[in-house]
Amino acid sequence: MIRIEVDPDTCIGSGICESIAEDLFHVGDDGAMTPVTDVVSDEREDAVTQAVARCPTSAIRIRSES
């Protein structure tokens, strides 16, 4: 399992993460992105990795859970 961490001061709410994995990320009407869940199963790790790689401000990080 992995954990999603978001830096709210860096996030610009572009919505790229939500377009990649709408079940994991949500950008509200105010432009703030919040993870739908902070712990992600191994099956969705590829989607989170893509969201991290495509985030224009590097606001999303992942941490492995042991």
Protein backbone atom coordinates (compact mmCIF):
# COMPACT_ATOMS: atom_id res chain seq x y z
CA MET A 1 0.00 0.00 0.00
CA ILE A 2 1.00 3.59 -0.55
CA ARG A 3 -0.03 6.84 1.08
CA ILE A 4 -0.85 10.01 -0.88
CA GLU A 5 0.48 13.31 0.47
CA VAL A 6 -0.52 16.67 -1.02
CA ASP A 7 1.09 20.04 -0.40
CA PRO A 8 -1.90 22.41 -0.42
CA ASP A 9 0.38 25.45 -0.69
CA THR A 10 1.89 24.13 -3.93
CA CYS A 11 -1.23 22.66 -5.57
CA ILE A 12 -2.82 24.91 -8.22
CA GLY A 13 -5.87 22.69 -8.77
CA SER A 14 -5.10 21.93 -12.42
CA GLY A 15 -7.17 18.75 -12.26
CA ILE A 16 -4.66 16.56 -14.07
CA CYS A 17 -4.58 14.14 -11.16
CA GLU A 18 -8.36 13.94 -11.13
CA SER A 19 -8.44 13.25 -14.87
CA ILE A 20 -6.02 10.36 -14.36
CA ALA A 21 -7.69 8.87 -11.28
CA GLU A 22 -11.02 10.46 -10.39
CA ASP A 23 -11.59 7.75 -7.81
CA LEU A 24 -8.50 8.95 -5.92
CA PHE A 25 -8.40 12.74 -6.40
CA HIS A 26 -11.04 15.48 -6.31
CA VAL A 27 -10.66 19.14 -7.25
CA GLY A 28 -13.37 21.20 -5.62
CA ASP A 29 -15.11 24.27 -6.97
CA ASP A 30 -12.67 26.36 -4.95
CA GLY A 31 -9.74 24.82 -6.91
CA ALA A 32 -8.39 22.90 -3.94
CA MET A 33 -7.44 19.29 -4.58
CA THR A 34 -8.03 16.72 -1.92
CA PRO A 35 -7.29 13.03 -2.10
CA VAL A 36 -10.44 10.94 -1.87
CA THR A 37 -8.43 8.58 0.32
CA ASP A 38 -4.91 8.92 1.63
CA VAL A 39 -4.13 5.18 1.53
CA VAL A 40 -4.15 3.50 -1.88
CA SER A 41 -4.14 -0.18 -2.71
CA ASP A 42 -1.34 -1.70 -4.75
CA GLU A 43 -3.73 -2.12 -7.70
CA ARG A 44 -4.06 1.68 -8.07
CA GLU A 45 -0.36 2.46 -7.58
CA ASP A 46 0.22 2.98 -11.32
CA ALA A 47 -2.52 5.62 -11.49
CA VAL A 48 -1.09 7.49 -8.50
CA THR A 49 2.41 7.30 -9.96
CA GLN A 50 1.10 8.82 -13.22
CA ALA A 51 -0.67 11.60 -11.30
CA VAL A 52 2.53 12.38 -9.39
CA ALA A 53 4.58 12.47 -12.59
CA ARG A 54 2.12 14.75 -14.41
CA CYS A 55 1.42 17.20 -11.58
CA PRO A 56 2.68 20.56 -12.91
CA THR A 57 3.75 21.79 -9.47
CA SER A 58 4.94 18.50 -7.90
CA ALA A 59 2.35 18.96 -5.15
CA ILE A 60 1.59 15.22 -4.88
CA ARG A 61 3.93 12.77 -3.21
CA ILE A 62 3.63 9.11 -2.41
CA ARG A 63 5.03 7.20 0.52
CA SER A 64 5.20 3.44 0.80
CA GLU A 65 3.39 1.88 3.72
CA SER A 66 5.07 -1.18 5.16
